[in-house]
Amino acid sequence: NFVEYVRWFLDFFGMNRDHQQLTDRAQA
């Protein structure tokens, strides 16, 4: 749940690099 909410926040504010890093770590 944490990842989902932070991902949404990062996406909303256009923080694409951080969003991708979080997505990659979650996938791992």
PDB file of all heavy atoms in Angstrom:
ATOM      1  N   ASN A   1       0.827  -1.205   0.000  1.00  0.00           N
ATOM      2  CA  ASN A   1       0.000   0.000   0.000  1.00  0.00           C
ATOM      3  C   ASN A   1       0.861   1.254   0.000  1.00  0.00           C
ATOM      4  O   ASN A   1       0.546   2.224  -0.686  1.00  0.00           O
ATOM      5  CB  ASN A   1      -0.941   0.006   1.200  1.00  0.00           C
ATOM      6  CG  ASN A   1      -2.062  -0.988   1.055  1.00  0.00           C
ATOM      7  OD1 ASN A   1      -2.417  -1.403  -0.042  1.00  0.00           O
ATOM      8  ND2 ASN A   1      -2.618  -1.392   2.169  1.00  0.00           N
ATOM      9  N   PHE A   2       1.941   1.211   0.788  1.00  0.00           N
ATOM     10  CA  PHE A   2       2.842   2.347   0.863  1.00  0.00           C
ATOM     11  C   PHE A   2       3.389   2.695  -0.518  1.00  0.00           C
ATOM     12  O   PHE A   2       3.377   3.857  -0.930  1.00  0.00           O
ATOM     13  CB  PHE A   2       3.980   2.055   1.841  1.00  0.00           C
ATOM     14  CG  PHE A   2       5.052   3.116   1.851  1.00  0.00           C
ATOM     15  CD1 PHE A   2       4.840   4.308   2.517  1.00  0.00           C
ATOM     16  CD2 PHE A   2       6.250   2.919   1.188  1.00  0.00           C
ATOM     17  CE1 PHE A   2       5.811   5.293   2.517  1.00  0.00           C
ATOM     18  CE2 PHE A   2       7.226   3.898   1.183  1.00  0.00           C
ATOM     19  CZ  PHE A   2       7.004   5.088   1.857  1.00  0.00           C
ATOM     20  N   VAL A   3       3.854   1.681  -1.217  1.00  0.00           N
ATOM     21  CA  VAL A   3       4.420   1.901  -2.545  1.00  0.00           C
ATOM     22  C   VAL A   3       3.373   2.500  -3.475  1.00  0.00           C
ATOM     23  O   VAL A   3       3.665   3.428  -4.239  1.00  0.00           O
ATOM     24  CB  VAL A   3       4.993   0.585  -3.127  1.00  0.00           C
ATOM     25  CG1 VAL A   3       5.354   0.742  -4.592  1.00  0.00           C
ATOM     26  CG2 VAL A   3       6.205   0.141  -2.326  1.00  0.00           C
ATOM     27  N   GLU A   4       2.154   2.007  -3.406  1.00  0.00           N
ATOM     28  CA  GLU A   4       1.094   2.514  -4.282  1.00  0.00           C
ATOM     29  C   GLU A   4       0.839   4.002  -4.027  1.00  0.00           C
ATOM     30  O   GLU A   4       0.732   4.794  -4.961  1.00  0.00           O
ATOM     31  CB  GLU A   4      -0.185   1.707  -4.066  1.00  0.00           C
ATOM     32  CG  GLU A   4      -1.347   2.151  -4.904  1.00  0.00           C
ATOM     33  CD  GLU A   4      -1.185   1.899  -6.395  1.00  0.00           C
ATOM     34  OE1 GLU A   4      -0.275   1.173  -6.803  1.00  0.00           O
ATOM     35  OE2 GLU A   4      -1.980   2.468  -7.165  1.00  0.00           O
ATOM     36  N   TYR A   5       0.762   4.406  -2.766  1.00  0.00           N
ATOM     37  CA  TYR A   5       0.484   5.810  -2.446  1.00  0.00           C
ATOM     38  C   TYR A   5       1.664   6.721  -2.801  1.00  0.00           C
ATOM     39  O   TYR A   5       1.469   7.818  -3.338  1.00  0.00           O
ATOM     40  CB  TYR A   5       0.118   5.970  -0.971  1.00  0.00           C
ATOM     41  CG  TYR A   5      -1.244   5.407  -0.654  1.00  0.00           C
ATOM     42  CD1 TYR A   5      -1.387   4.382   0.263  1.00  0.00           C
ATOM     43  CD2 TYR A   5      -2.382   5.897  -1.280  1.00  0.00           C
ATOM     44  CE1 TYR A   5      -2.633   3.851   0.543  1.00  0.00           C
ATOM     45  CE2 TYR A   5      -3.628   5.372  -1.009  1.00  0.00           C
ATOM     46  CZ  TYR A   5      -3.751   4.347  -0.096  1.00  0.00           C
ATOM     47  OH  TYR A   5      -4.982   3.829   0.181  1.00  0.00           O
ATOM     48  N   VAL A   6       2.865   6.272  -2.516  1.00  0.00           N
ATOM     49  CA  VAL A   6       4.040   7.085  -2.849  1.00  0.00           C
ATOM     50  C   VAL A   6       4.199   7.172  -4.364  1.00  0.00           C
ATOM     51  O   VAL A   6       4.512   8.234  -4.901  1.00  0.00           O
ATOM     52  CB  VAL A   6       5.317   6.528  -2.179  1.00  0.00           C
ATOM     53  CG1 VAL A   6       6.560   7.249  -2.677  1.00  0.00           C
ATOM     54  CG2 VAL A   6       5.202   6.637  -0.661  1.00  0.00           C
ATOM     55  N   ARG A   7       3.943   6.062  -5.063  1.00  0.00           N
ATOM     56  CA  ARG A   7       4.017   6.063  -6.522  1.00  0.00           C
ATOM     57  C   ARG A   7       3.044   7.082  -7.105  1.00  0.00           C
ATOM     58  O   ARG A   7       3.374   7.852  -8.001  1.00  0.00           O
ATOM     59  CB  ARG A   7       3.714   4.660  -7.074  1.00  0.00           C
ATOM     60  CG  ARG A   7       3.938   4.547  -8.576  1.00  0.00           C
ATOM     61  CD  ARG A   7       3.176   3.374  -9.157  1.00  0.00           C
ATOM     62  NE  ARG A   7       1.745   3.546  -9.045  1.00  0.00           N
ATOM     63  CZ  ARG A   7       0.991   4.328  -9.837  1.00  0.00           C
ATOM     64  NH1 ARG A   7       1.532   5.035 -10.780  1.00  0.00           N
ATOM     65  NH2 ARG A   7      -0.308   4.412  -9.655  1.00  0.00           N
ATOM     66  N   TRP A   8       1.829   7.117  -6.561  1.00  0.00           N
ATOM     67  CA  TRP A   8       0.818   8.070  -7.027  1.00  0.00           C
ATOM     68  C   TRP A   8       1.317   9.496  -6.794  1.00  0.00           C
ATOM     69  O   TRP A   8       1.214  10.351  -7.676  1.00  0.00           O
ATOM     70  CB  TRP A   8      -0.507   7.832  -6.291  1.00  0.00           C
ATOM     71  CG  TRP A   8      -1.565   8.812  -6.680  1.00  0.00           C
ATOM     72  CD1 TRP A   8      -2.406   8.736  -7.748  1.00  0.00           C
ATOM     73  CD2 TRP A   8      -1.876  10.046  -6.022  1.00  0.00           C
ATOM     74  NE1 TRP A   8      -3.225   9.846  -7.788  1.00  0.00           N
ATOM     75  CE2 TRP A   8      -2.912  10.657  -6.742  1.00  0.00           C
ATOM     76  CE3 TRP A   8      -1.380  10.686  -4.899  1.00  0.00           C
ATOM     77  CZ2 TRP A   8      -3.463  11.879  -6.365  1.00  0.00           C
ATOM     78  CZ3 TRP A   8      -1.926  11.908  -4.527  1.00  0.00           C
ATOM     79  CH2 TRP A   8      -2.951  12.482  -5.270  1.00  0.00           C
ATOM     80  N   PHE A   9       1.871   9.764  -5.620  1.00  0.00           N
ATOM     81  CA  PHE A   9       2.392  11.088  -5.291  1.00  0.00           C
ATOM     82  C   PHE A   9       3.499  11.497  -6.259  1.00  0.00           C
ATOM     83  O   PHE A   9       3.482  12.608  -6.798  1.00  0.00           O
ATOM     84  CB  PHE A   9       2.917  11.084  -3.840  1.00  0.00           C
ATOM     85  CG  PHE A   9       3.570  12.367  -3.426  1.00  0.00           C
ATOM     86  CD1 PHE A   9       2.817  13.427  -2.956  1.00  0.00           C
ATOM     87  CD2 PHE A   9       4.943  12.519  -3.515  1.00  0.00           C
ATOM     88  CE1 PHE A   9       3.415  14.616  -2.575  1.00  0.00           C
ATOM     89  CE2 PHE A   9       5.560  13.702  -3.143  1.00  0.00           C
ATOM     90  CZ  PHE A   9       4.785  14.753  -2.664  1.00  0.00           C
ATOM     91  N   LEU A  10       4.448  10.600  -6.467  1.00  0.00           N
ATOM     92  CA  LEU A  10       5.559  10.896  -7.367  1.00  0.00           C
ATOM     93  C   LEU A  10       5.073  11.146  -8.787  1.00  0.00           C
ATOM     94  O   LEU A  10       5.545  12.061  -9.468  1.00  0.00           O
ATOM     95  CB  LEU A  10       6.577   9.753  -7.345  1.00  0.00           C
ATOM     96  CG  LEU A  10       7.312   9.532  -6.017  1.00  0.00           C
ATOM     97  CD1 LEU A  10       8.132   8.250  -6.085  1.00  0.00           C
ATOM     98  CD2 LEU A  10       8.180  10.721  -5.649  1.00  0.00           C
ATOM     99  N   ASP A  11       4.123  10.354  -9.239  1.00  0.00           N
ATOM    100  CA  ASP A  11       3.559  10.509 -10.575  1.00  0.00           C
ATOM    101  C   ASP A  11       2.838  11.849 -10.701  1.00  0.00           C
ATOM    102  O   ASP A  11       3.000  12.564 -11.679  1.00  0.00           O
ATOM    103  CB  ASP A  11       2.611   9.344 -10.867  1.00  0.00           C
ATOM    104  CG  ASP A  11       2.109   9.360 -12.293  1.00  0.00           C
ATOM    105  OD1 ASP A  11       2.935   9.487 -13.214  1.00  0.00           O
ATOM    106  OD2 ASP A  11       0.880   9.232 -12.478  1.00  0.00           O
ATOM    107  N   PHE A  12       2.066  12.188  -9.681  1.00  0.00           N
ATOM    108  CA  PHE A  12       1.279  13.420  -9.701  1.00  0.00           C
ATOM    109  C   PHE A  12       2.185  14.648  -9.830  1.00  0.00           C
ATOM    110  O   PHE A  12       1.850  15.597 -10.529  1.00  0.00           O
ATOM    111  CB  PHE A  12       0.424  13.515  -8.438  1.00  0.00           C
ATOM    112  CG  PHE A  12      -0.505  14.691  -8.416  1.00  0.00           C
ATOM    113  CD1 PHE A  12      -1.710  14.647  -9.104  1.00  0.00           C
ATOM    114  CD2 PHE A  12      -0.177  15.840  -7.719  1.00  0.00           C
ATOM    115  CE1 PHE A  12      -2.570  15.731  -9.096  1.00  0.00           C
ATOM    116  CE2 PHE A  12      -1.024  16.933  -7.712  1.00  0.00           C
ATOM    117  CZ  PHE A  12      -2.224  16.874  -8.396  1.00  0.00           C
ATOM    118  N   PHE A  13       3.336  14.609  -9.150  1.00  0.00           N
ATOM    119  CA  PHE A  13       4.241  15.751  -9.171  1.00  0.00           C
ATOM    120  C   PHE A  13       5.341  15.640 -10.218  1.00  0.00           C
ATOM    121  O   PHE A  13       6.300  16.405 -10.209  1.00  0.00           O
ATOM    122  CB  PHE A  13       4.826  15.988  -7.776  1.00  0.00           C
ATOM    123  CG  PHE A  13       3.819  16.578  -6.829  1.00  0.00           C
ATOM    124  CD1 PHE A  13       3.189  15.779  -5.893  1.00  0.00           C
ATOM    125  CD2 PHE A  13       3.463  17.911  -6.913  1.00  0.00           C
ATOM    126  CE1 PHE A  13       2.237  16.307  -5.033  1.00  0.00           C
ATOM    127  CE2 PHE A  13       2.513  18.453  -6.055  1.00  0.00           C
ATOM    128  CZ  PHE A  13       1.906  17.655  -5.118  1.00  0.00           C
ATOM    129  N   GLY A  14       5.209  14.673 -11.131  1.00  0.00           N
ATOM    130  CA  GLY A  14       6.133  14.564 -12.253  1.00  0.00           C
ATOM    131  C   GLY A  14       7.535  14.127 -11.877  1.00  0.00           C
ATOM    132  O   GLY A  14       8.486  14.423 -12.596  1.00  0.00           O
ATOM    133  N   MET A  15       7.656  13.406 -10.786  1.00  0.00           N
ATOM    134  CA  MET A  15       8.969  12.939 -10.330  1.00  0.00           C
ATOM    135  C   MET A  15       9.232  11.564 -10.944  1.00  0.00           C
ATOM    136  O   MET A  15       9.254  10.542 -10.264  1.00  0.00           O
ATOM    137  CB  MET A  15       9.005  12.925  -8.806  1.00  0.00           C
ATOM    138  CG  MET A  15       8.703  14.306  -8.210  1.00  0.00           C
ATOM    139  SD  MET A  15       8.536  14.293  -6.439  1.00  0.00           S
ATOM    140  CE  MET A  15      10.254  14.379  -5.972  1.00  0.00           C
ATOM    141  N   ASN A  16       9.426  11.567 -12.252  1.00  0.00           N
ATOM    142  CA  ASN A  16       9.497  10.330 -13.032  1.00  0.00           C
ATOM    143  C   ASN A  16      10.663   9.426 -12.652  1.00  0.00           C
ATOM    144  O   ASN A  16      10.511   8.207 -12.591  1.00  0.00           O
ATOM    145  CB  ASN A  16       9.536  10.649 -14.526  1.00  0.00           C
ATOM    146  CG  ASN A  16       8.299  11.384 -14.977  1.00  0.00           C
ATOM    147  OD1 ASN A  16       7.223  11.189 -14.418  1.00  0.00           O
ATOM    148  ND2 ASN A  16       8.443  12.236 -15.957  1.00  0.00           N
ATOM    149  N   ARG A  17      11.818   9.993 -12.413  1.00  0.00           N
ATOM    150  CA  ARG A  17      12.986   9.176 -12.072  1.00  0.00           C
ATOM    151  C   ARG A  17      12.760   8.453 -10.743  1.00  0.00           C
ATOM    152  O   ARG A  17      12.996   7.252 -10.629  1.00  0.00           O
ATOM    153  CB  ARG A  17      14.243  10.044 -12.004  1.00  0.00           C
ATOM    154  CG  ARG A  17      15.522   9.261 -11.739  1.00  0.00           C
ATOM    155  CD  ARG A  17      16.770  10.145 -11.823  1.00  0.00           C
ATOM    156  NE  ARG A  17      16.609  11.438 -11.192  1.00  0.00           N
ATOM    157  CZ  ARG A  17      16.954  11.711  -9.916  1.00  0.00           C
ATOM    158  NH1 ARG A  17      17.489  10.785  -9.177  1.00  0.00           N
ATOM    159  NH2 ARG A  17      16.774  12.908  -9.422  1.00  0.00           N
ATOM    160  N   ASP A  18      12.274   9.184  -9.748  1.00  0.00           N
ATOM    161  CA  ASP A  18      11.986   8.571  -8.445  1.00  0.00           C
ATOM    162  C   ASP A  18      10.875   7.532  -8.564  1.00  0.00           C
ATOM    163  O   ASP A  18      10.922   6.481  -7.933  1.00  0.00           O
ATOM    164  CB  ASP A  18      11.595   9.639  -7.422  1.00  0.00           C
ATOM    165  CG  ASP A  18      12.733  10.601  -7.136  1.00  0.00           C
ATOM    166  OD1 ASP A  18      13.882  10.151  -7.065  1.00  0.00           O
ATOM    167  OD2 ASP A  18      12.449  11.803  -6.990  1.00  0.00           O
ATOM    168  N   HIS A  19       9.882   7.846  -9.385  1.00  0.00           N
ATOM    169  CA  HIS A  19       8.766   6.919  -9.620  1.00  0.00           C
ATOM    170  C   HIS A  19       9.284   5.613 -10.202  1.00  0.00           C
ATOM    171  O   HIS A  19       8.910   4.529  -9.764  1.00  0.00           O
ATOM    172  CB  HIS A  19       7.763   7.585 -10.566  1.00  0.00           C
ATOM    173  CG  HIS A  19       6.589   6.742 -10.895  1.00  0.00           C
ATOM    174  ND1 HIS A  19       6.605   5.814 -11.909  1.00  0.00           N
ATOM    175  CD2 HIS A  19       5.361   6.687 -10.337  1.00  0.00           C
ATOM    176  CE1 HIS A  19       5.437   5.229 -11.979  1.00  0.00           C
ATOM    177  NE2 HIS A  19       4.665   5.732 -11.023  1.00  0.00           N
ATOM    178  N   GLN A  20      10.168   5.709 -11.194  1.00  0.00           N
ATOM    179  CA  GLN A  20      10.703   4.517 -11.837  1.00  0.00           C
ATOM    180  C   GLN A  20      11.563   3.709 -10.872  1.00  0.00           C
ATOM    181  O   GLN A  20      11.488   2.484 -10.840  1.00  0.00           O
ATOM    182  CB  GLN A  20      11.518   4.887 -13.083  1.00  0.00           C
ATOM    183  CG  GLN A  20      11.980   3.682 -13.875  1.00  0.00           C
ATOM    184  CD  GLN A  20      10.830   2.825 -14.364  1.00  0.00           C
ATOM    185  OE1 GLN A  20       9.884   3.327 -14.954  1.00  0.00           O
ATOM    186  NE2 GLN A  20      10.880   1.534 -14.096  1.00  0.00           N
ATOM    187  N   GLN A  21      12.368   4.391 -10.064  1.00  0.00           N
ATOM    188  CA  GLN A  21      13.206   3.689  -9.088  1.00  0.00           C
ATOM    189  C   GLN A  21      12.345   2.931  -8.077  1.00  0.00           C
ATOM    190  O   GLN A  21      12.652   1.784  -7.729  1.00  0.00           O
ATOM    191  CB  GLN A  21      14.133   4.668  -8.366  1.00  0.00           C
ATOM    192  CG  GLN A  21      15.247   5.192  -9.232  1.00  0.00           C
ATOM    193  CD  GLN A  21      16.072   6.271  -8.542  1.00  0.00           C
ATOM    194  OE1 GLN A  21      15.652   6.860  -7.558  1.00  0.00           O
ATOM    195  NE2 GLN A  21      17.257   6.524  -9.087  1.00  0.00           N
ATOM    196  N   LEU A  22      11.285   3.553  -7.608  1.00  0.00           N
ATOM    197  CA  LEU A  22      10.393   2.898  -6.658  1.00  0.00           C
ATOM    198  C   LEU A  22       9.694   1.707  -7.304  1.00  0.00           C
ATOM    199  O   LEU A  22       9.575   0.637  -6.701  1.00  0.00           O
ATOM    200  CB  LEU A  22       9.362   3.896  -6.117  1.00  0.00           C
ATOM    201  CG  LEU A  22       8.379   3.358  -5.093  1.00  0.00           C
ATOM    202  CD1 LEU A  22       9.116   2.870  -3.854  1.00  0.00           C
ATOM    203  CD2 LEU A  22       7.370   4.427  -4.726  1.00  0.00           C
ATOM    204  N   THR A  23       9.248   1.883  -8.529  1.00  0.00           N
ATOM    205  CA  THR A  23       8.597   0.783  -9.251  1.00  0.00           C
ATOM    206  C   THR A  23       9.557  -0.383  -9.431  1.00  0.00           C
ATOM    207  O   THR A  23       9.184  -1.541  -9.216  1.00  0.00           O
ATOM    208  CB  THR A  23       8.071   1.276 -10.617  1.00  0.00           C
ATOM    209  OG1 THR A  23       7.108   2.312 -10.397  1.00  0.00           O
ATOM    210  CG2 THR A  23       7.432   0.156 -11.403  1.00  0.00           C
ATOM    211  N   ASP A  24      10.790  -0.095  -9.800  1.00  0.00           N
ATOM    212  CA  ASP A  24      11.792  -1.155  -9.983  1.00  0.00           C
ATOM    213  C   ASP A  24      12.047  -1.904  -8.683  1.00  0.00           C
ATOM    214  O   ASP A  24      12.131  -3.139  -8.676  1.00  0.00           O
ATOM    215  CB  ASP A  24      13.110  -0.568 -10.510  1.00  0.00           C
ATOM    216  CG  ASP A  24      13.008  -0.049 -11.935  1.00  0.00           C
ATOM    217  OD1 ASP A  24      12.026  -0.394 -12.634  1.00  0.00           O
ATOM    218  OD2 ASP A  24      13.902   0.720 -12.342  1.00  0.00           O
ATOM    219  N   ARG A  25      12.163  -1.186  -7.580  1.00  0.00           N
ATOM    220  CA  ARG A  25      12.408  -1.846  -6.290  1.00  0.00           C
ATOM    221  C   ARG A  25      11.210  -2.688  -5.868  1.00  0.00           C
ATOM    222  O   ARG A  25      11.371  -3.784  -5.338  1.00  0.00           O
ATOM    223  CB  ARG A  25      12.735  -0.811  -5.214  1.00  0.00           C
ATOM    224  CG  ARG A  25      14.106  -0.186  -5.467  1.00  0.00           C
ATOM    225  CD  ARG A  25      14.555   0.685  -4.361  1.00  0.00           C
ATOM    226  NE  ARG A  25      14.981  -0.169  -3.252  1.00  0.00           N
ATOM    227  CZ  ARG A  25      15.278   0.292  -2.062  1.00  0.00           C
ATOM    228  NH1 ARG A  25      15.200   1.580  -1.817  1.00  0.00           N
ATOM    229  NH2 ARG A  25      15.668  -0.522  -1.110  1.00  0.00           N
ATOM    230  N   ALA A  26      10.013  -2.180  -6.117  1.00  0.00           N
ATOM    231  CA  ALA A  26       8.803  -2.937  -5.760  1.00  0.00           C
ATOM    232  C   ALA A  26       8.711  -4.214  -6.590  1.00  0.00           C
ATOM    233  O   ALA A  26       8.306  -5.263  -6.088  1.00  0.00           O
ATOM    234  CB  ALA A  26       7.564  -2.072  -5.960  1.00  0.00           C
ATOM    235  N   GLN A  27       9.086  -4.138  -7.865  1.00  0.00           N
ATOM    236  CA  GLN A  27       9.042  -5.319  -8.727  1.00  0.00           C
ATOM    237  C   GLN A  27      10.037  -6.373  -8.273  1.00  0.00           C
ATOM    238  O   GLN A  27       9.791  -7.568  -8.428  1.00  0.00           O
ATOM    239  CB  GLN A  27       9.302  -4.936 -10.181  1.00  0.00           C
ATOM    240  CG  GLN A  27       8.135  -4.233 -10.822  1.00  0.00           C
ATOM    241  CD  GLN A  27       8.447  -3.744 -12.222  1.00  0.00           C
ATOM    242  OE1 GLN A  27       9.570  -3.771 -12.675  1.00  0.00           O
ATOM    243  NE2 GLN A  27       7.411  -3.279 -12.907  1.00  0.00           N
ATOM    244  N   ALA A  28      11.137  -5.940  -7.694  1.00  0.00           N
ATOM    245  CA  ALA A  28      12.159  -6.885  -7.245  1.00  0.00           C
ATOM    246  C   ALA A  28      11.675  -7.728  -6.072  1.00  0.00           C
ATOM    247  O   ALA A  28      12.189  -8.819  -5.839  1.00  0.00           O
ATOM    248  CB  ALA A  28      13.430  -6.127  -6.856  1.00  0.00           C
TER     249      ALA A  28
END
